[in-house]
Amino acid sequence: MPATVTATREDDLKALRARIEALRTELGSREVDRREARDALRASETAISEATRALATLEAQGRQLRTSLARIGDRRRSLEQGLAARRRALGQLLVARSRASAPDVVRLVLAGEDPNEVARQMHYLSILSQAAARAIEAQRGNLAELERLRDDSAAQARELSEIEARQRADREKVLAERRERRRVLERVAVELRAGRREMKQMLADEQRLSRVVREISRVLASRPGAGFQPGDREQASPAPGVPFASLRGRLELPVRGELAGRFPAQRSAGARAKGLFIRAQQGDPVKAVAAGRVVYSDWMRGFGNLLIVDHGEAYLSVYGNNESLLKHTGETVNAGETVATVGASGGREESGVYFELRHLGQAFDPLRWVGNR
């Protein structure tokens, strides 16, 4: 090969290497931007989960306070009715006592009245006096209790008002976080589209590079990176309830909705999902398919707010893309108990629940275990 041609090829190779290095640098900058967007998405979705959980707690406290206020109201009405009845009875006692005023015993005896009759009148008057005293004391006690109930009612009404104000603030916080999540998702979508364009350009550059340097040597090669595969988190803790294996054909799906695909479902980049995605309304309850213990309750890349329940005998159920996780790691759950709420976390564009069943770490078709659908 002539020296001039060799020098030209070497210059081309240097230029190509410089271009590849520039593309790598730019791609690295893109990856940093994507990581920042994913971090912002995780923070937003975690904040939504926490705010929704706090709102659920406040709503439960509000229900308890309303129940307590209702009981106090019933007791107050009962006391007020009793007070009205006692006032009438006390009035009658006082009238009777005034009519049977204390007689002049000496005058009656000197006037020839029967001493036994005088004694009976005195005894009757004593009974009236004691009854009046008891009625007055009971009236005082009822008035004091009524006053205490009024104070309790006012205090609990103030507390309920504060809780309702916090509920309104938390709802607004959730809405604000959802708006922020949409903004982050839009940013991630832009980054993904830019990444796809960049990858397409990189592939074209690699092809051109291969054609140019093939005659000199194979100094440059393209190697696709391994895709991210989230690891399983499993624990062999015992789960309460009947053996999970005996529930085959009797389980219910964790949420009512539309199946987006059958097991195994096709995902992007040619990969196949190991579970089902069930489209459902955001905020709908996600229920445990069987009794067990929560072994994972946190955000995971690709699955958003993720919850895993151990059912014993190495059986696990997995619930992903939730808006809010209502159970913590270590908590036991019953079959049909709400453990999360439907969302679109993890970067999904539609709301729903990603659902898996696993045994000994291997995923299997959940629909074979579900009864009437």
Protein backbone atom coordinates (compact mmCIF):
# COMPACT_ATOMS: atom_id res chain seq x y z
CA MET A 1 0.00 0.00 0.00
CA PRO A 2 1.48 3.43 -0.92
CA ALA A 3 2.80 5.55 1.94
CA THR A 4 0.46 8.43 1.09
CA VAL A 5 -2.57 6.14 1.24
CA THR A 6 -1.39 4.68 4.55
CA ALA A 7 -0.89 8.17 6.00
CA THR A 8 -4.35 9.17 4.80
CA ARG A 9 -5.89 6.10 6.40
CA GLU A 10 -4.03 6.82 9.65
CA ASP A 11 -5.33 10.41 9.62
CA ASP A 12 -8.85 9.10 9.01
CA LEU A 13 -8.46 6.67 11.88
CA LYS A 14 -7.32 9.44 14.21
CA ALA A 15 -10.28 11.57 13.18
CA LEU A 16 -12.66 8.67 13.71
CA ARG A 17 -11.18 7.93 17.12
CA ALA A 18 -11.60 11.59 18.09
CA ARG A 19 -15.21 11.49 16.91
CA ILE A 20 -15.92 8.31 18.84
CA GLU A 21 -14.40 9.82 21.98
CA ALA A 22 -16.56 12.93 21.57
CA LEU A 23 -19.65 10.76 21.13
CA ARG A 24 -18.76 8.79 24.25
CA THR A 25 -18.35 12.00 26.22
CA GLU A 26 -21.69 13.32 24.99
CA LEU A 27 -23.37 9.99 25.71
CA GLY A 28 -21.92 10.03 29.22
CA SER A 29 -23.40 13.50 29.72
CA ARG A 30 -26.76 12.17 28.52
CA GLU A 31 -26.54 9.30 31.01
CA VAL A 32 -25.86 11.75 33.84
CA ASP A 33 -28.95 13.73 32.82
CA ARG A 34 -31.01 10.52 32.74
CA ARG A 35 -29.78 9.47 36.17
CA GLU A 36 -30.72 12.88 37.54
CA ALA A 37 -34.17 12.57 35.96
CA ARG A 38 -34.60 9.05 37.41
CA ASP A 39 -33.50 10.32 40.84
CA ALA A 40 -36.04 13.14 40.62
CA LEU A 41 -38.70 10.64 39.54
CA ARG A 42 -37.89 8.39 42.49
CA ALA A 43 -38.04 11.32 44.94
CA SER A 44 -41.37 12.48 43.49
CA GLU A 45 -42.97 9.03 43.58
CA THR A 46 -41.65 8.35 47.10
CA ALA A 47 -43.11 11.70 48.24
CA ILE A 48 -46.47 10.80 46.68
CA SER A 49 -46.42 7.46 48.52
CA GLU A 50 -45.60 9.10 51.86
CA ALA A 51 -48.17 11.87 51.40
CA THR A 52 -50.89 9.39 50.44
CA ARG A 53 -50.04 7.21 53.44
CA ALA A 54 -50.18 10.27 55.74
CA LEU A 55 -53.51 11.26 54.21
CA ALA A 56 -54.89 7.76 54.85
CA THR A 57 -53.76 8.01 58.49
CA LEU A 58 -55.42 11.42 58.89
CA GLU A 59 -58.64 10.13 57.34
CA ALA A 60 -58.65 7.23 59.82
CA GLN A 61 -58.11 9.67 62.71
CA GLY A 62 -60.92 11.83 61.37
CA ARG A 63 -63.28 8.85 61.25
CA GLN A 64 -62.38 7.96 64.85
CA LEU A 65 -63.00 11.52 66.02
CA ARG A 66 -66.34 11.71 64.23
CA THR A 67 -67.38 8.43 65.87
CA SER A 68 -66.28 9.78 69.27
CA LEU A 69 -68.17 13.04 68.70
CA ALA A 70 -71.27 11.07 67.76
CA ARG A 71 -71.02 9.06 71.02
CA ILE A 72 -70.54 12.28 73.00
CA GLY A 73 -73.57 13.79 71.26
CA ASP A 74 -75.70 10.75 72.15
CA ARG A 75 -74.53 10.92 75.77
CA ARG A 76 -75.24 14.65 75.96
CA ARG A 77 -78.74 14.19 74.62
CA SER A 78 -79.35 11.39 77.11
CA LEU A 79 -78.08 13.56 79.98
CA GLU A 80 -80.16 16.53 78.90
CA GLN A 81 -83.27 14.35 78.79
CA GLY A 82 -82.40 12.96 82.23
CA LEU A 83 -81.82 16.46 83.58
CA ALA A 84 -85.22 17.57 82.33
CA ALA A 85 -86.86 14.57 84.01
CA ARG A 86 -85.00 15.18 87.28
CA ARG A 87 -85.96 18.86 87.25
CA ARG A 88 -89.62 17.85 87.00
CA ALA A 89 -89.21 15.25 89.76
CA LEU A 90 -87.36 17.74 91.97
CA GLY A 91 -90.06 20.31 91.43
CA GLN A 92 -92.70 17.77 92.50
CA LEU A 93 -90.67 16.87 95.62
CA LEU A 94 -90.27 20.51 96.57
CA VAL A 95 -94.02 21.11 96.13
CA ALA A 96 -94.82 18.06 98.27
CA ARG A 97 -92.36 19.15 100.94
CA SER A 98 -93.81 22.65 101.08
CA ARG A 99 -97.27 21.21 101.58
CA ALA A 100 -96.01 18.92 104.33
CA SER A 101 -94.11 21.59 106.23
CA ALA A 102 -92.66 20.61 109.60
CA PRO A 103 -95.52 20.54 112.19
CA ASP A 104 -95.30 22.06 115.67
CA VAL A 105 -94.99 18.76 117.57
CA VAL A 106 -95.61 20.26 121.05
CA ARG A 107 -98.68 22.12 119.86
CA LEU A 108 -100.11 19.00 118.22
CA VAL A 109 -99.57 16.88 121.31
CA LEU A 110 -101.11 19.50 123.62
CA ALA A 111 -104.02 19.75 121.19
CA GLY A 112 -104.67 16.07 121.68
CA GLU A 113 -103.33 14.76 118.38
CA ASP A 114 -102.33 11.10 118.25
CA PRO A 115 -98.53 10.89 118.90
CA ASN A 116 -98.27 8.02 116.39
CA GLU A 117 -99.81 10.17 113.68
CA VAL A 118 -97.40 12.96 114.53
CA ALA A 119 -94.48 10.51 114.21
CA ARG A 120 -95.72 9.30 110.82
CA GLN A 121 -95.89 12.88 109.56
CA MET A 122 -92.36 13.55 110.78
CA HIS A 123 -91.09 10.35 109.08
CA TYR A 124 -92.81 11.26 105.81
CA LEU A 125 -91.27 14.72 105.92
CA SER A 126 -87.83 13.19 106.52
CA ILE A 127 -88.26 10.91 103.47
CA LEU A 128 -89.22 13.89 101.33
CA SER A 129 -86.19 15.86 102.53
CA GLN A 130 -83.79 12.98 101.81
CA ALA A 131 -85.28 12.42 98.34
CA ALA A 132 -84.97 16.13 97.56
CA ALA A 133 -81.33 16.12 98.73
CA ARG A 134 -80.52 13.10 96.56
CA ALA A 135 -82.22 14.66 93.54
CA ILE A 136 -80.28 17.90 94.04
CA GLU A 137 -76.99 15.97 94.34
CA ALA A 138 -77.76 13.90 91.22
CA GLN A 139 -78.65 17.10 89.40
CA ARG A 140 -75.28 18.61 90.35
CA GLY A 141 -73.44 15.47 89.14
CA ASN A 142 -75.29 15.40 85.84
CA LEU A 143 -74.66 19.09 85.29
CA ALA A 144 -70.92 18.55 85.94
CA GLU A 145 -70.77 15.60 83.53
CA LEU A 146 -72.69 17.57 80.92
CA GLU A 147 -70.22 20.42 81.26
CA ARG A 148 -67.29 18.00 80.91
CA LEU A 149 -68.86 16.46 77.80
CA ARG A 150 -69.36 19.91 76.32
CA ASP A 151 -65.66 20.66 76.89
CA ASP A 152 -64.63 17.30 75.39
CA SER A 153 -66.90 17.87 72.42
CA ALA A 154 -65.45 21.34 71.79
CA ALA A 155 -61.86 20.03 72.10
CA GLN A 156 -62.48 17.14 69.74
CA ALA A 157 -64.30 19.42 67.30
CA ARG A 158 -61.21 21.67 67.24
CA GLU A 159 -58.97 18.65 66.73
CA LEU A 160 -61.20 17.41 63.91
CA SER A 161 -61.06 20.84 62.29
CA GLU A 162 -57.25 20.76 62.47
CA ILE A 163 -57.17 17.25 60.98
CA GLU A 164 -59.46 18.31 58.13
CA ALA A 165 -57.18 21.29 57.46
CA ARG A 166 -54.17 18.95 57.37
CA GLN A 167 -56.11 16.62 55.06
CA ARG A 168 -56.75 19.49 52.65
CA ALA A 169 -53.06 20.42 52.80
CA ASP A 170 -51.97 16.80 52.24
CA ARG A 171 -54.36 16.41 49.30
CA GLU A 172 -52.89 19.54 47.75
CA LYS A 173 -49.40 18.14 48.41
CA VAL A 174 -50.31 14.90 46.63
CA LEU A 175 -51.71 16.85 43.67
CA ALA A 176 -48.58 19.00 43.57
CA GLU A 177 -46.36 15.90 43.67
CA ARG A 178 -48.39 14.35 40.85
CA ARG A 179 -47.90 17.51 38.78
CA GLU A 180 -44.17 17.34 39.55
CA ARG A 181 -44.13 13.66 38.61
CA ARG A 182 -45.74 14.46 35.24
CA ARG A 183 -43.10 17.14 34.67
CA VAL A 184 -40.32 14.67 35.51
CA LEU A 185 -41.89 12.02 33.28
CA GLU A 186 -41.99 14.49 30.41
CA ARG A 187 -38.32 15.24 31.02
CA VAL A 188 -37.48 11.52 31.14
CA ALA A 189 -39.45 10.96 27.92
CA VAL A 190 -37.47 13.74 26.23
CA GLU A 191 -34.22 12.18 27.47
CA LEU A 192 -35.28 8.75 26.26
CA ARG A 193 -36.15 10.06 22.81
CA ALA A 194 -32.82 11.90 22.68
CA GLY A 195 -31.10 8.71 23.81
CA ARG A 196 -32.75 6.67 21.08
CA ARG A 197 -31.73 9.22 18.46
CA GLU A 198 -28.22 9.23 19.87
CA MET A 199 -28.10 5.43 19.84
CA LYS A 200 -29.28 5.37 16.23
CA GLN A 201 -26.59 7.88 15.35
CA MET A 202 -24.01 5.86 17.26
CA LEU A 203 -24.98 2.71 15.34
CA ALA A 204 -24.61 4.56 12.05
CA ASP A 205 -21.25 5.91 13.16
CA GLU A 206 -20.14 2.42 14.14
CA GLN A 207 -21.10 1.11 10.71
CA ARG A 208 -19.19 3.88 8.99
CA LEU A 209 -16.26 3.31 11.30
CA SER A 210 -16.24 -0.41 10.48
CA ARG A 211 -16.18 0.27 6.76
CA VAL A 212 -13.30 2.75 7.06
CA VAL A 213 -11.00 0.82 9.39
CA ARG A 214 -11.74 -2.72 8.16
CA GLU A 215 -8.88 -2.53 5.61
CA ILE A 216 -6.29 -1.38 8.13
CA SER A 217 -7.33 -3.42 11.23
CA ARG A 218 -10.29 -4.11 13.54
CA VAL A 219 -9.22 -1.55 16.13
CA LEU A 220 -12.68 -0.41 16.99
CA ALA A 221 -15.59 -2.59 17.99
CA SER A 222 -19.03 -1.95 19.36
CA ARG A 223 -20.22 -3.92 22.38
CA PRO A 224 -23.76 -3.37 23.68
CA GLY A 225 -23.97 -3.01 27.43
CA ALA A 226 -25.94 -5.44 29.56
CA GLY A 227 -29.44 -4.30 30.39
CA PHE A 228 -30.36 -3.55 33.90
CA GLN A 229 -31.97 -6.57 35.67
CA PRO A 230 -33.40 -5.78 39.12
CA GLY A 231 -32.48 -8.47 41.64
CA ASP A 232 -35.08 -10.40 43.60
CA ARG A 233 -35.40 -9.84 47.33
CA GLU A 234 -36.60 -13.02 48.99
CA GLN A 235 -36.82 -14.22 52.56
CA ALA A 236 -37.90 -17.62 53.84
CA SER A 237 -40.04 -16.26 56.65
CA PRO A 238 -43.18 -18.14 57.62
CA ALA A 239 -46.49 -16.75 56.42
CA PRO A 240 -49.72 -16.97 58.37
CA GLY A 241 -52.74 -18.72 56.93
CA VAL A 242 -53.31 -21.86 54.89
CA PRO A 243 -50.50 -23.29 52.73
CA PHE A 244 -50.17 -21.23 49.58
CA ALA A 245 -49.85 -24.31 47.39
CA SER A 246 -53.39 -25.31 48.34
CA LEU A 247 -54.77 -22.04 46.88
CA ARG A 248 -54.09 -22.93 43.24
CA GLY A 249 -57.17 -22.03 41.20
CA ARG A 250 -58.71 -20.04 44.08
CA LEU A 251 -56.74 -16.79 44.08
CA GLU A 252 -58.12 -13.42 43.03
CA LEU A 253 -56.14 -10.82 41.11
CA PRO A 254 -54.85 -8.01 43.36
CA VAL A 255 -56.89 -5.33 41.59
CA ARG A 256 -59.91 -5.13 39.31
CA GLY A 257 -58.88 -3.99 35.87
CA GLU A 258 -57.86 -4.92 32.34
CA LEU A 259 -55.07 -7.39 31.61
CA ALA A 260 -52.54 -5.69 29.38
CA GLY A 261 -50.95 -9.00 28.32
CA ARG A 262 -50.57 -12.68 29.08
CA PHE A 263 -47.68 -14.39 30.79
CA PRO A 264 -44.95 -13.97 29.71
CA ALA A 265 -45.63 -10.46 28.35
CA GLN A 266 -43.46 -8.81 25.69
CA ARG A 267 -41.54 -5.78 26.93
CA SER A 268 -39.23 -3.29 25.28
CA ALA A 269 -35.92 -4.29 23.73
CA GLY A 270 -37.20 -7.82 23.09
CA ALA A 271 -37.28 -8.75 26.79
CA ARG A 272 -40.14 -10.68 28.28
CA ALA A 273 -41.83 -9.71 31.55
CA LYS A 274 -42.14 -12.33 34.24
CA GLY A 275 -45.61 -11.25 35.34
CA LEU A 276 -48.80 -9.46 34.33
CA PHE A 277 -49.66 -5.79 34.04
CA ILE A 278 -53.24 -4.99 35.08
CA ARG A 279 -54.55 -1.61 33.95
CA ALA A 280 -56.60 0.06 36.71
CA GLN A 281 -57.69 3.47 37.96
CA GLN A 282 -55.08 5.45 39.88
CA GLY A 283 -55.72 5.29 43.62
CA ASP A 284 -57.72 2.02 43.53
CA PRO A 285 -56.85 -0.46 46.33
CA VAL A 286 -54.27 -3.17 45.65
CA LYS A 287 -55.01 -6.26 47.75
CA ALA A 288 -52.83 -9.14 48.92
CA VAL A 289 -53.77 -12.34 47.09
CA ALA A 290 -53.12 -14.45 50.21
CA ALA A 291 -51.98 -14.15 53.81
CA GLY A 292 -48.29 -13.52 54.32
CA ARG A 293 -45.54 -11.21 55.50
CA VAL A 294 -44.18 -8.15 53.66
CA VAL A 295 -40.49 -8.71 52.86
CA TYR A 296 -39.88 -5.74 50.58
CA SER A 297 -41.58 -2.33 50.54
CA ASP A 298 -39.56 0.31 48.73
CA TRP A 299 -38.84 2.00 45.42
CA MET A 300 -36.97 -0.08 42.80
CA ARG A 301 -35.71 1.06 39.40
CA GLY A 302 -38.07 -0.10 36.68
CA PHE A 303 -40.84 -1.11 39.09
CA GLY A 304 -41.41 2.12 41.08
CA ASN A 305 -43.03 1.62 44.48
CA LEU A 306 -42.69 -2.15 44.85
CA LEU A 307 -44.09 -4.49 47.47
CA ILE A 308 -43.26 -8.21 47.86
CA VAL A 309 -45.18 -10.59 50.13
CA ASP A 310 -43.76 -13.90 51.35
CA HIS A 311 -46.46 -16.58 51.61
CA GLY A 312 -44.24 -19.33 52.99
CA GLU A 313 -42.90 -22.47 51.29
CA ALA A 314 -40.80 -20.19 49.04
CA TYR A 315 -43.88 -18.62 47.40
CA LEU A 316 -43.84 -14.87 46.78
CA SER A 317 -46.25 -12.37 45.27
CA VAL A 318 -44.97 -9.14 43.74
CA TYR A 319 -46.88 -5.86 43.28
CA GLY A 320 -45.19 -3.09 41.29
CA ASN A 321 -45.80 0.41 39.87
CA ASN A 322 -47.92 1.37 42.90
CA GLU A 323 -48.70 4.96 43.80
CA SER A 324 -48.49 4.36 47.54
CA LEU A 325 -47.23 1.50 49.73
CA LEU A 326 -49.48 1.11 52.78
CA LYS A 327 -47.52 -1.68 54.47
CA HIS A 328 -43.96 -1.73 55.80
CA THR A 329 -41.41 -4.53 55.64
CA GLY A 330 -42.09 -7.06 58.39
CA GLU A 331 -45.85 -6.46 58.63
CA THR A 332 -48.19 -9.42 58.25
CA VAL A 333 -51.19 -9.15 55.92
CA ASN A 334 -54.39 -11.10 55.42
CA ALA A 335 -55.81 -12.34 52.16
CA GLY A 336 -57.74 -9.49 50.53
CA GLU A 337 -56.16 -6.82 52.76
CA THR A 338 -55.27 -3.54 51.03
CA VAL A 339 -51.47 -3.24 50.86
CA ALA A 340 -51.01 -0.44 48.30
CA THR A 341 -52.82 1.87 45.90
CA VAL A 342 -52.74 1.76 42.10
CA GLY A 343 -50.33 4.14 40.43
CA ALA A 344 -47.91 4.55 37.53
CA SER A 345 -44.61 4.76 39.39
CA GLY A 346 -41.34 3.58 37.91
CA GLY A 347 -41.83 5.65 34.77
CA ARG A 348 -44.94 3.95 33.39
CA GLU A 349 -47.20 6.00 31.14
CA GLU A 350 -50.43 4.30 32.29
CA SER A 351 -51.74 3.47 35.74
CA GLY A 352 -52.03 -0.12 36.89
CA VAL A 353 -50.29 -2.88 38.85
CA TYR A 354 -47.45 -5.12 37.75
CA PHE A 355 -48.12 -8.53 39.35
CA GLU A 356 -45.91 -11.60 39.65
CA LEU A 357 -46.02 -14.95 41.42
CA ARG A 358 -42.77 -16.76 42.14
CA HIS A 359 -41.73 -20.08 43.62
CA LEU A 360 -38.11 -20.78 44.56
CA GLY A 361 -37.25 -17.54 42.78
CA GLN A 362 -38.79 -18.63 39.47
CA ALA A 363 -41.76 -16.75 38.04
CA PHE A 364 -44.81 -18.73 36.92
CA ASP A 365 -48.10 -17.85 35.24
CA PRO A 366 -50.40 -16.18 37.82
CA LEU A 367 -53.52 -16.79 35.73
CA ARG A 368 -53.21 -20.56 36.29
CA TRP A 369 -53.72 -19.86 40.00
CA VAL A 370 -56.60 -17.40 39.65
CA GLY A 371 -60.20 -18.56 39.95
CA ASN A 372 -63.13 -16.82 38.25
CA ARG A 373 -61.98 -13.64 36.47
